[in-house]
Amino acid sequence: MHHRPEEIAARLLKAPYDRLDARAQKVARHVAERQHIARNLAQEGDERRPTRGQRAADAVARFGGSWTFVGLFGAAMLVWVGLNGWLMSRHGETFDPYPYILLNLFLSMLAAIQAPIILMSQNRQAEKDRIGAEHDYEVNLKAELEIMLLHEKLDELRQAQWQELLALQQRQLGLLSDLIGERKNAPPMG
């Protein structure tokens, strides 16, 4: 039993098909045409190759958010402070005396460059997440509509079985009353 998308929208979504958003229309079409809607988004993501800049932003974000980066950053800070302390004790002067203004400049520049690169990567990930959420919505809506259709079919089957059961009982009662009537009209035995 196939349905048209307009019927699916009206009966299950309680809205005219042309008033549904594009995703709901797509789901109604898939339900009506009995097509699957689930797909592998990870595989689709591979088909749309990221640009070199996007790959670089992802690599910077991956490295900048790792324990390796934290360890290397901490080691560089210790070397900077230790080298300045050693130079001060040996030669009485250093390339970046305390409070390490040159180090602060480098750290500010690193943060100024790293922050927008990480944001670019996060924006790309947010777009992937949005696409995933939209796909999840479509799959969930289709599953919900299919379950509603199954409930309708079960209700129809149950109603048909009740009708058959009632008709069978009516026939049995008719046969029983015929049998009782025949017994009353039969000559006594004996």
N, C-alpha and C. Protein backbone atom coordinates (compact mmCIF):
# COMPACT_ATOMS: atom_id res chain seq x y z
N MET A 1 0.85 -1.18 0.00
CA MET A 1 0.00 0.00 0.00
C MET A 1 0.89 1.24 0.00
N HIS A 2 0.96 1.90 -1.14
CA HIS A 2 1.81 3.09 -1.26
C HIS A 2 0.98 4.35 -1.04
N HIS A 3 1.63 5.33 -0.48
CA HIS A 3 1.00 6.60 -0.20
C HIS A 3 1.73 7.68 -0.98
N ARG A 4 1.04 8.77 -1.21
CA ARG A 4 1.67 9.93 -1.82
C ARG A 4 2.25 10.79 -0.70
N PRO A 5 3.30 11.58 -0.98
CA PRO A 5 3.87 12.44 0.05
C PRO A 5 2.83 13.39 0.66
N GLU A 6 1.89 13.84 -0.17
CA GLU A 6 0.85 14.74 0.33
C GLU A 6 -0.02 14.05 1.38
N GLU A 7 -0.31 12.76 1.14
CA GLU A 7 -1.11 11.99 2.10
C GLU A 7 -0.34 11.79 3.41
N ILE A 8 0.94 11.48 3.28
CA ILE A 8 1.79 11.28 4.46
C ILE A 8 1.81 12.55 5.29
N ALA A 9 2.01 13.69 4.62
CA ALA A 9 2.08 14.97 5.33
C ALA A 9 0.77 15.26 6.04
N ALA A 10 -0.33 15.08 5.34
CA ALA A 10 -1.64 15.41 5.93
C ALA A 10 -2.01 14.46 7.06
N ARG A 11 -1.80 13.16 6.82
CA ARG A 11 -2.25 12.17 7.80
C ARG A 11 -1.32 12.07 9.01
N LEU A 12 -0.02 12.06 8.78
CA LEU A 12 0.91 11.81 9.88
C LEU A 12 1.51 13.08 10.47
N LEU A 13 1.78 14.07 9.62
CA LEU A 13 2.38 15.31 10.11
C LEU A 13 1.34 16.39 10.38
N LYS A 14 0.10 16.10 10.00
CA LYS A 14 -1.01 17.03 10.24
C LYS A 14 -0.75 18.42 9.66
N ALA A 15 -0.14 18.45 8.47
CA ALA A 15 0.14 19.72 7.80
C ALA A 15 0.14 19.49 6.29
N PRO A 16 -0.24 20.52 5.53
CA PRO A 16 -0.16 20.38 4.07
C PRO A 16 1.30 20.21 3.64
N TYR A 17 1.53 19.40 2.63
CA TYR A 17 2.89 19.09 2.15
C TYR A 17 3.65 20.36 1.80
N ASP A 18 3.00 21.29 1.11
CA ASP A 18 3.72 22.50 0.65
C ASP A 18 4.06 23.45 1.80
N ARG A 19 3.52 23.22 2.98
CA ARG A 19 3.87 24.07 4.14
C ARG A 19 4.99 23.47 4.99
N LEU A 20 5.41 22.26 4.67
CA LEU A 20 6.49 21.62 5.41
C LEU A 20 7.83 22.21 4.97
N ASP A 21 8.81 22.18 5.88
CA ASP A 21 10.14 22.62 5.48
C ASP A 21 10.76 21.55 4.56
N ALA A 22 11.88 21.90 3.96
CA ALA A 22 12.48 21.03 2.94
C ALA A 22 12.83 19.66 3.51
N ARG A 23 13.32 19.61 4.75
CA ARG A 23 13.69 18.32 5.33
C ARG A 23 12.47 17.44 5.56
N ALA A 24 11.38 18.02 6.07
CA ALA A 24 10.16 17.25 6.31
C ALA A 24 9.56 16.77 4.98
N GLN A 25 9.62 17.60 3.94
CA GLN A 25 9.14 17.18 2.62
C GLN A 25 9.97 16.00 2.11
N LYS A 26 11.29 16.09 2.30
CA LYS A 26 12.17 15.01 1.88
C LYS A 26 11.81 13.72 2.60
N VAL A 27 11.57 13.81 3.89
CA VAL A 27 11.21 12.63 4.67
C VAL A 27 9.87 12.07 4.19
N ALA A 28 8.89 12.93 3.96
CA ALA A 28 7.58 12.47 3.48
C ALA A 28 7.72 11.76 2.14
N ARG A 29 8.57 12.28 1.26
CA ARG A 29 8.80 11.62 -0.03
C ARG A 29 9.44 10.25 0.17
N HIS A 30 10.43 10.18 1.06
CA HIS A 30 11.11 8.91 1.29
C HIS A 30 10.15 7.88 1.90
N VAL A 31 9.29 8.31 2.81
CA VAL A 31 8.31 7.39 3.40
C VAL A 31 7.35 6.92 2.31
N ALA A 32 6.85 7.85 1.50
CA ALA A 32 5.89 7.51 0.46
C ALA A 32 6.50 6.56 -0.58
N GLU A 33 7.77 6.77 -0.91
CA GLU A 33 8.42 5.96 -1.94
C GLU A 33 9.10 4.73 -1.35
N ARG A 34 8.99 4.55 -0.02
CA ARG A 34 9.59 3.41 0.69
C ARG A 34 11.09 3.33 0.44
N GLN A 35 11.76 4.48 0.51
CA GLN A 35 13.21 4.54 0.32
C GLN A 35 13.88 4.81 1.66
N HIS A 36 15.11 4.31 1.80
CA HIS A 36 15.84 4.59 3.03
C HIS A 36 16.39 6.02 2.98
N ILE A 37 16.63 6.58 4.14
CA ILE A 37 17.10 7.95 4.22
C ILE A 37 18.47 8.03 4.90
N ALA A 38 18.82 6.98 5.63
CA ALA A 38 20.10 6.97 6.35
C ALA A 38 21.25 6.88 5.35
N ARG A 39 22.31 7.56 5.67
CA ARG A 39 23.51 7.51 4.83
C ARG A 39 24.73 7.71 5.73
N ASN A 40 25.88 7.35 5.22
CA ASN A 40 27.12 7.46 5.98
C ASN A 40 27.70 8.85 5.76
N LEU A 41 27.52 9.73 6.74
CA LEU A 41 28.00 11.10 6.61
C LEU A 41 29.52 11.18 6.62
N ALA A 42 30.18 10.26 7.30
CA ALA A 42 31.65 10.26 7.32
C ALA A 42 32.19 10.00 5.92
N GLN A 43 31.53 9.11 5.20
CA GLN A 43 31.96 8.81 3.84
C GLN A 43 31.67 10.00 2.91
N GLU A 44 30.53 10.66 3.11
CA GLU A 44 30.21 11.83 2.30
C GLU A 44 31.19 12.95 2.57
N GLY A 45 31.62 13.09 3.81
CA GLY A 45 32.58 14.13 4.16
C GLY A 45 33.89 13.93 3.43
N ASP A 46 34.25 12.65 3.16
CA ASP A 46 35.48 12.37 2.44
C ASP A 46 35.37 12.78 0.98
N GLU A 47 34.14 12.77 0.45
CA GLU A 47 33.96 13.14 -0.94
C GLU A 47 34.19 14.64 -1.15
N ARG A 48 33.87 15.45 -0.15
CA ARG A 48 34.12 16.90 -0.24
C ARG A 48 35.46 17.16 0.42
N ARG A 49 36.51 17.12 -0.35
CA ARG A 49 37.87 17.26 0.17
C ARG A 49 38.07 18.66 0.76
N PRO A 50 38.64 18.72 1.98
CA PRO A 50 38.94 20.04 2.55
C PRO A 50 40.09 20.70 1.80
N THR A 51 40.09 22.01 1.82
CA THR A 51 41.17 22.75 1.16
C THR A 51 42.45 22.62 1.99
N ARG A 52 43.55 23.05 1.42
CA ARG A 52 44.82 22.99 2.13
C ARG A 52 44.75 23.84 3.40
N GLY A 53 44.12 25.01 3.32
CA GLY A 53 43.97 25.88 4.48
C GLY A 53 43.13 25.22 5.58
N GLN A 54 42.06 24.53 5.17
CA GLN A 54 41.21 23.84 6.16
C GLN A 54 41.97 22.70 6.83
N ARG A 55 42.75 21.96 6.03
CA ARG A 55 43.56 20.88 6.62
C ARG A 55 44.59 21.46 7.58
N ALA A 56 45.20 22.59 7.22
CA ALA A 56 46.19 23.23 8.10
C ALA A 56 45.53 23.70 9.39
N ALA A 57 44.35 24.31 9.28
CA ALA A 57 43.63 24.78 10.47
C ALA A 57 43.28 23.61 11.38
N ASP A 58 42.86 22.49 10.79
CA ASP A 58 42.54 21.31 11.59
C ASP A 58 43.78 20.77 12.29
N ALA A 59 44.92 20.78 11.58
CA ALA A 59 46.17 20.29 12.17
C ALA A 59 46.62 21.19 13.31
N VAL A 60 46.52 22.51 13.13
CA VAL A 60 46.89 23.46 14.19
C VAL A 60 45.99 23.27 15.40
N ALA A 61 44.69 23.12 15.17
CA ALA A 61 43.75 22.93 16.27
C ALA A 61 44.02 21.60 16.98
N ARG A 62 44.31 20.56 16.20
CA ARG A 62 44.59 19.26 16.80
C ARG A 62 45.86 19.33 17.67
N PHE A 63 46.91 19.96 17.12
CA PHE A 63 48.17 20.05 17.86
C PHE A 63 48.04 21.03 19.04
N GLY A 64 47.38 22.16 18.82
CA GLY A 64 47.22 23.16 19.89
C GLY A 64 46.36 22.67 21.04
N GLY A 65 45.57 21.66 20.82
CA GLY A 65 44.73 21.11 21.88
C GLY A 65 45.22 19.77 22.37
N SER A 66 46.53 19.55 22.28
CA SER A 66 47.07 18.25 22.69
C SER A 66 48.01 18.41 23.88
N TRP A 67 48.25 17.30 24.57
CA TRP A 67 49.20 17.30 25.68
C TRP A 67 50.62 17.51 25.17
N THR A 68 50.87 17.10 23.95
CA THR A 68 52.19 17.34 23.36
C THR A 68 52.47 18.83 23.30
N PHE A 69 51.48 19.61 22.82
CA PHE A 69 51.64 21.06 22.76
C PHE A 69 51.85 21.65 24.15
N VAL A 70 51.05 21.20 25.10
CA VAL A 70 51.17 21.72 26.47
C VAL A 70 52.56 21.41 27.02
N GLY A 71 53.05 20.19 26.79
CA GLY A 71 54.37 19.81 27.27
C GLY A 71 55.47 20.62 26.61
N LEU A 72 55.41 20.73 25.26
CA LEU A 72 56.42 21.52 24.55
C LEU A 72 56.37 22.99 24.94
N PHE A 73 55.18 23.51 25.12
CA PHE A 73 55.01 24.91 25.51
C PHE A 73 55.62 25.13 26.90
N GLY A 74 55.32 24.23 27.83
CA GLY A 74 55.88 24.34 29.17
C GLY A 74 57.40 24.23 29.15
N ALA A 75 57.93 23.30 28.34
CA ALA A 75 59.39 23.14 28.23
C ALA A 75 60.02 24.40 27.64
N ALA A 76 59.40 24.98 26.61
CA ALA A 76 59.94 26.21 26.01
C ALA A 76 59.95 27.34 27.02
N MET A 77 58.92 27.43 27.84
CA MET A 77 58.87 28.48 28.87
C MET A 77 60.01 28.27 29.88
N LEU A 78 60.22 27.04 30.31
CA LEU A 78 61.28 26.74 31.27
C LEU A 78 62.65 27.04 30.68
N VAL A 79 62.87 26.68 29.41
CA VAL A 79 64.14 26.96 28.75
C VAL A 79 64.35 28.47 28.67
N TRP A 80 63.29 29.21 28.28
CA TRP A 80 63.39 30.67 28.17
C TRP A 80 63.80 31.29 29.51
N VAL A 81 63.08 30.93 30.55
CA VAL A 81 63.36 31.49 31.89
C VAL A 81 64.73 31.00 32.37
N GLY A 82 65.03 29.71 32.19
CA GLY A 82 66.32 29.16 32.63
C GLY A 82 67.49 29.79 31.89
N LEU A 83 67.37 29.96 30.57
CA LEU A 83 68.44 30.57 29.79
C LEU A 83 68.67 32.01 30.22
N ASN A 84 67.59 32.74 30.46
CA ASN A 84 67.72 34.13 30.92
C ASN A 84 68.38 34.18 32.31
N GLY A 85 68.00 33.27 33.19
CA GLY A 85 68.61 33.21 34.52
C GLY A 85 70.09 32.84 34.44
N TRP A 86 70.41 31.89 33.59
CA TRP A 86 71.80 31.47 33.45
C TRP A 86 72.66 32.60 32.88
N LEU A 87 72.14 33.28 31.82
CA LEU A 87 72.88 34.40 31.23
C LEU A 87 73.07 35.52 32.24
N MET A 88 72.05 35.77 33.08
CA MET A 88 72.15 36.83 34.07
C MET A 88 73.23 36.48 35.09
N SER A 89 73.28 35.23 35.50
CA SER A 89 74.27 34.84 36.51
C SER A 89 75.67 34.77 35.93
N ARG A 90 75.86 34.46 34.66
CA ARG A 90 77.18 34.32 34.04
C ARG A 90 77.72 35.65 33.52
N HIS A 91 76.82 36.42 32.86
CA HIS A 91 77.31 37.61 32.15
C HIS A 91 76.74 38.90 32.72
N GLY A 92 75.81 38.80 33.62
CA GLY A 92 75.23 40.01 34.22
C GLY A 92 74.19 40.68 33.35
N GLU A 93 73.98 40.19 32.20
CA GLU A 93 72.92 40.73 31.34
C GLU A 93 72.28 39.58 30.58
N THR A 94 71.08 39.86 30.06
CA THR A 94 70.29 38.81 29.39
C THR A 94 69.60 39.38 28.17
N PHE A 95 69.13 38.50 27.27
CA PHE A 95 68.42 38.97 26.06
C PHE A 95 66.99 39.39 26.35
N ASP A 96 66.38 38.91 27.47
CA ASP A 96 65.02 39.29 27.84
C ASP A 96 64.92 39.32 29.36
N PRO A 97 65.28 40.45 29.97
CA PRO A 97 65.28 40.50 31.43
C PRO A 97 63.86 40.39 32.00
N TYR A 98 63.80 39.94 33.26
CA TYR A 98 62.52 39.86 33.96
C TYR A 98 61.87 41.22 33.89
N PRO A 99 60.60 41.36 33.57
CA PRO A 99 59.44 40.48 33.51
C PRO A 99 59.20 39.87 32.14
N TYR A 100 60.24 39.63 31.36
CA TYR A 100 60.18 38.88 30.09
C TYR A 100 59.20 39.52 29.08
N ILE A 101 59.47 40.74 28.75
CA ILE A 101 58.60 41.47 27.81
C ILE A 101 58.66 40.84 26.42
N LEU A 102 59.83 40.42 25.97
CA LEU A 102 59.94 39.78 24.66
C LEU A 102 59.15 38.46 24.63
N LEU A 103 59.23 37.69 25.71
CA LEU A 103 58.45 36.46 25.80
C LEU A 103 56.96 36.77 25.73
N ASN A 104 56.52 37.80 26.44
CA ASN A 104 55.10 38.21 26.39
C ASN A 104 54.69 38.60 24.98
N LEU A 105 55.58 39.27 24.26
CA LEU A 105 55.28 39.65 22.87
C LEU A 105 55.10 38.40 22.01
N PHE A 106 56.02 37.44 22.14
CA PHE A 106 55.91 36.21 21.36
C PHE A 106 54.63 35.43 21.72
N LEU A 107 54.33 35.37 23.00
CA LEU A 107 53.11 34.66 23.42
C LEU A 107 51.86 35.35 22.89
N SER A 108 51.86 36.67 22.89
CA SER A 108 50.70 37.42 22.35
C SER A 108 50.55 37.16 20.85
N MET A 109 51.69 37.15 20.14
CA MET A 109 51.62 36.88 18.70
C MET A 109 51.13 35.45 18.43
N LEU A 110 51.63 34.49 19.22
CA LEU A 110 51.18 33.11 19.07
C LEU A 110 49.68 33.00 19.29
N ALA A 111 49.20 33.64 20.35
CA ALA A 111 47.75 33.60 20.64
C ALA A 111 46.95 34.30 19.55
N ALA A 112 47.47 35.43 19.05
CA ALA A 112 46.76 36.18 18.01
C ALA A 112 46.64 35.38 16.72
N ILE A 113 47.62 34.53 16.43
CA ILE A 113 47.57 33.72 15.21
C ILE A 113 46.81 32.42 15.46
N GLN A 114 47.05 31.81 16.61
CA GLN A 114 46.47 30.51 16.89
C GLN A 114 44.95 30.58 17.08
N ALA A 115 44.47 31.62 17.74
CA ALA A 115 43.02 31.72 18.04
C ALA A 115 42.15 31.71 16.78
N PRO A 116 42.40 32.56 15.78
CA PRO A 116 41.52 32.51 14.61
C PRO A 116 41.65 31.19 13.82
N ILE A 117 42.84 30.60 13.83
CA ILE A 117 43.01 29.33 13.12
C ILE A 117 42.19 28.25 13.80
N ILE A 118 42.22 28.23 15.13
CA ILE A 118 41.42 27.25 15.87
C ILE A 118 39.94 27.52 15.66
N LEU A 119 39.54 28.79 15.61
CA LEU A 119 38.13 29.12 15.35
C LEU A 119 37.70 28.64 13.97
N MET A 120 38.58 28.76 12.97
CA MET A 120 38.24 28.27 11.63
C MET A 120 37.97 26.77 11.68
N SER A 121 38.83 26.04 12.38
CA SER A 121 38.64 24.60 12.50
C SER A 121 37.35 24.28 13.25
N GLN A 122 37.09 25.03 14.32
CA GLN A 122 35.85 24.80 15.08
C GLN A 122 34.62 25.13 14.25
N ASN A 123 34.68 26.17 13.43
CA ASN A 123 33.55 26.50 12.55
C ASN A 123 33.29 25.38 11.56
N ARG A 124 34.36 24.80 11.02
CA ARG A 124 34.21 23.68 10.09
C ARG A 124 33.60 22.48 10.81
N GLN A 125 34.05 22.22 12.03
CA GLN A 125 33.50 21.11 12.81
C GLN A 125 32.03 21.38 13.16
N ALA A 126 31.73 22.65 13.48
CA ALA A 126 30.34 23.00 13.80
C ALA A 126 29.44 22.78 12.58
N GLU A 127 29.95 23.06 11.39
CA GLU A 127 29.18 22.83 10.16
C GLU A 127 28.93 21.34 9.96
N LYS A 128 29.97 20.53 10.22
CA LYS A 128 29.80 19.07 10.14
C LYS A 128 28.76 18.60 11.16
N ASP A 129 28.85 19.15 12.37
CA ASP A 129 27.90 18.77 13.42
C ASP A 129 26.48 19.17 13.04
N ARG A 130 26.32 20.36 12.42
CA ARG A 130 24.99 20.81 12.00
C ARG A 130 24.42 19.88 10.93
N ILE A 131 25.24 19.48 9.99
CA ILE A 131 24.80 18.56 8.94
C ILE A 131 24.41 17.22 9.57
N GLY A 132 25.22 16.77 10.53
CA GLY A 132 24.91 15.51 11.23
C GLY A 132 23.60 15.60 12.00
N ALA A 133 23.38 16.75 12.66
CA ALA A 133 22.14 16.93 13.42
C ALA A 133 20.92 16.96 12.49
N GLU A 134 21.06 17.62 11.34
CA GLU A 134 19.95 17.65 10.37
C GLU A 134 19.66 16.24 9.86
N HIS A 135 20.71 15.49 9.60
CA HIS A 135 20.52 14.12 9.12
C HIS A 135 19.86 13.26 10.21
N ASP A 136 20.31 13.43 11.44
CA ASP A 136 19.69 12.69 12.55
C ASP A 136 18.21 13.03 12.66
N TYR A 137 17.87 14.31 12.48
CA TYR A 137 16.46 14.73 12.53
C TYR A 137 15.67 14.02 11.44
N GLU A 138 16.21 13.97 10.22
CA GLU A 138 15.51 13.32 9.12
C GLU A 138 15.30 11.84 9.40
N VAL A 139 16.36 11.18 9.88
CA VAL A 139 16.25 9.74 10.17
C VAL A 139 15.23 9.51 11.28
N ASN A 140 15.29 10.33 12.33
CA ASN A 140 14.35 10.16 13.44
C ASN A 140 12.91 10.43 13.01
N LEU A 141 12.70 11.46 12.20
CA LEU A 141 11.36 11.77 11.72
C LEU A 141 10.83 10.64 10.85
N LYS A 142 11.68 10.12 9.97
CA LYS A 142 11.24 9.01 9.12
C LYS A 142 10.89 7.79 9.97
N ALA A 143 11.72 7.49 10.96
CA ALA A 143 11.43 6.36 11.85
C ALA A 143 10.11 6.57 12.57
N GLU A 144 9.88 7.78 13.03
CA GLU A 144 8.62 8.09 13.72
C GLU A 144 7.42 7.90 12.79
N LEU A 145 7.54 8.39 11.56
CA LEU A 145 6.43 8.24 10.61
C LEU A 145 6.21 6.77 10.25
N GLU A 146 7.30 6.02 10.06
CA GLU A 146 7.15 4.60 9.75
C GLU A 146 6.47 3.87 10.91
N ILE A 147 6.83 4.22 12.13
CA ILE A 147 6.18 3.60 13.30
C ILE A 147 4.71 3.95 13.34
N MET A 148 4.38 5.20 13.02
CA MET A 148 2.96 5.59 12.99
C MET A 148 2.21 4.79 11.93
N LEU A 149 2.83 4.59 10.76
CA LEU A 149 2.19 3.79 9.71
C LEU A 149 2.01 2.34 10.17
N LEU A 150 3.01 1.81 10.85
CA LEU A 150 2.88 0.45 11.38
C LEU A 150 1.75 0.34 12.39
N HIS A 151 1.63 1.36 13.25
CA HIS A 151 0.52 1.36 14.22
C HIS A 151 -0.82 1.38 13.50
N GLU A 152 -0.91 2.19 12.45
CA GLU A 152 -2.17 2.23 11.69
C GLU A 152 -2.48 0.86 11.08
N LYS A 153 -1.45 0.22 10.51
CA LYS A 153 -1.66 -1.10 9.91
C LYS A 153 -2.08 -2.11 10.96
N LEU A 154 -1.42 -2.08 12.12
CA LEU A 154 -1.79 -3.00 13.20
C LEU A 154 -3.22 -2.74 13.66
N ASP A 155 -3.59 -1.47 13.78
CA ASP A 155 -4.96 -1.14 14.18
C ASP A 155 -5.96 -1.66 13.15
N GLU A 156 -5.64 -1.50 11.86
CA GLU A 156 -6.53 -1.99 10.81
C GLU A 156 -6.64 -3.52 10.88
N LEU A 157 -5.50 -4.19 11.07
CA LEU A 157 -5.54 -5.65 11.18
C LEU A 157 -6.34 -6.10 12.39
N ARG A 158 -6.13 -5.42 13.51
CA ARG A 158 -6.87 -5.79 14.73
C ARG A 158 -8.36 -5.56 14.52
N GLN A 159 -8.73 -4.46 13.88
CA GLN A 159 -10.14 -4.17 13.61
C GLN A 159 -10.74 -5.24 12.69
N ALA A 160 -9.97 -5.62 11.67
CA ALA A 160 -10.45 -6.66 10.75
C ALA A 160 -10.62 -8.00 11.48
N GLN A 161 -9.68 -8.31 12.37
CA GLN A 161 -9.79 -9.56 13.14
C GLN A 161 -11.01 -9.52 14.06
N TRP A 162 -11.27 -8.37 14.68
CA TRP A 162 -12.46 -8.26 15.52
C TRP A 162 -13.72 -8.47 14.70
N GLN A 163 -13.74 -7.88 13.51
CA GLN A 163 -14.90 -8.03 12.65
C GLN A 163 -15.10 -9.51 12.28
N GLU A 164 -13.98 -10.18 11.92
CA GLU A 164 -14.07 -11.60 11.59
C GLU A 164 -14.52 -12.42 12.79
N LEU A 165 -13.99 -12.08 13.96
CA LEU A 165 -14.36 -12.80 15.18
C LEU A 165 -15.84 -12.62 15.48
N LEU A 166 -16.34 -11.39 15.35
CA LEU A 166 -17.77 -11.13 15.58
C LEU A 166 -18.64 -11.89 14.57
N ALA A 167 -18.23 -11.89 13.31
CA ALA A 167 -18.99 -12.61 12.29
C ALA A 167 -18.98 -14.11 12.58
N LEU A 168 -17.84 -14.64 12.99
CA LEU A 168 -17.74 -16.05 13.34
C LEU A 168 -18.63 -16.37 14.53
N GLN A 169 -18.65 -15.50 15.52
CA GLN A 169 -19.52 -15.72 16.68
C GLN A 169 -20.99 -15.68 16.27
N GLN A 170 -21.32 -14.76 15.39
CA GLN A 170 -22.70 -14.68 14.91
C GLN A 170 -23.11 -15.98 14.21
N ARG A 171 -22.19 -16.51 13.38
CA ARG A 171 -22.49 -17.78 12.70
C ARG A 171 -22.62 -18.92 13.71
N GLN A 172 -21.74 -18.93 14.71
CA GLN A 172 -21.81 -19.98 15.73
C GLN A 172 -23.11 -19.88 16.52
N LEU A 173 -23.50 -18.63 16.87
CA LEU A 173 -24.77 -18.46 17.59
C LEU A 173 -25.94 -18.90 16.72
N GLY A 174 -25.85 -18.58 15.43
CA GLY A 174 -26.91 -19.01 14.51
C GLY A 174 -26.98 -20.52 14.43
N LEU A 175 -25.82 -21.17 14.30
CA LEU A 175 -25.80 -22.64 14.26
C LEU A 175 -26.31 -23.24 15.57
N LEU A 176 -25.92 -22.62 16.68
CA LEU A 176 -26.35 -23.11 17.99
C LEU A 176 -27.86 -22.97 18.14
N SER A 177 -28.39 -21.83 17.72
CA SER A 177 -29.85 -21.67 17.84
C SER A 177 -30.57 -22.62 16.89
N ASP A 178 -30.02 -22.88 15.69
CA ASP A 178 -30.60 -23.86 14.78
C ASP A 178 -30.58 -25.25 15.42
N LEU A 179 -29.47 -25.56 16.06
CA LEU A 179 -29.33 -26.86 16.71
C LEU A 179 -30.33 -27.01 17.86
N ILE A 180 -30.49 -25.95 18.64
CA ILE A 180 -31.46 -25.97 19.74
C ILE A 180 -32.88 -26.08 19.17
N GLY A 181 -33.16 -25.34 18.10
CA GLY A 181 -34.48 -25.40 17.47
C GLY A 181 -34.77 -26.78 16.92
N GLU A 182 -33.78 -27.43 16.32
CA GLU A 182 -33.98 -28.77 15.79
C GLU A 182 -34.25 -29.76 16.92
N ARG A 183 -33.56 -29.57 18.01
CA ARG A 183 -33.74 -30.48 19.14
C ARG A 183 -35.15 -30.33 19.73
N LYS A 184 -35.64 -29.11 19.77
CA LYS A 184 -36.99 -28.90 20.30
C LYS A 184 -38.03 -29.52 19.39
N ASN A 185 -37.77 -29.43 18.10
CA ASN A 185 -38.75 -29.95 17.13
C ASN A 185 -38.57 -31.44 16.86
N ALA A 186 -37.53 -32.03 17.35
CA ALA A 186 -37.30 -33.47 17.09
C ALA A 186 -38.23 -34.30 17.95
N PRO A 187 -38.71 -35.46 17.41
CA PRO A 187 -39.58 -36.34 18.22
C PRO A 187 -38.79 -36.88 19.41
N PRO A 188 -39.49 -37.09 20.51
CA PRO A 188 -38.79 -37.62 21.69
C PRO A 188 -38.26 -39.01 21.41
N MET A 189 -37.18 -39.27 21.99
CA MET A 189 -36.52 -40.57 21.80
C MET A 189 -37.02 -41.52 22.89
N GLY A 190 -37.18 -42.62 22.55
CA GLY A 190 -37.45 -43.52 23.60
C GLY A 190 -38.40 -44.54 23.48
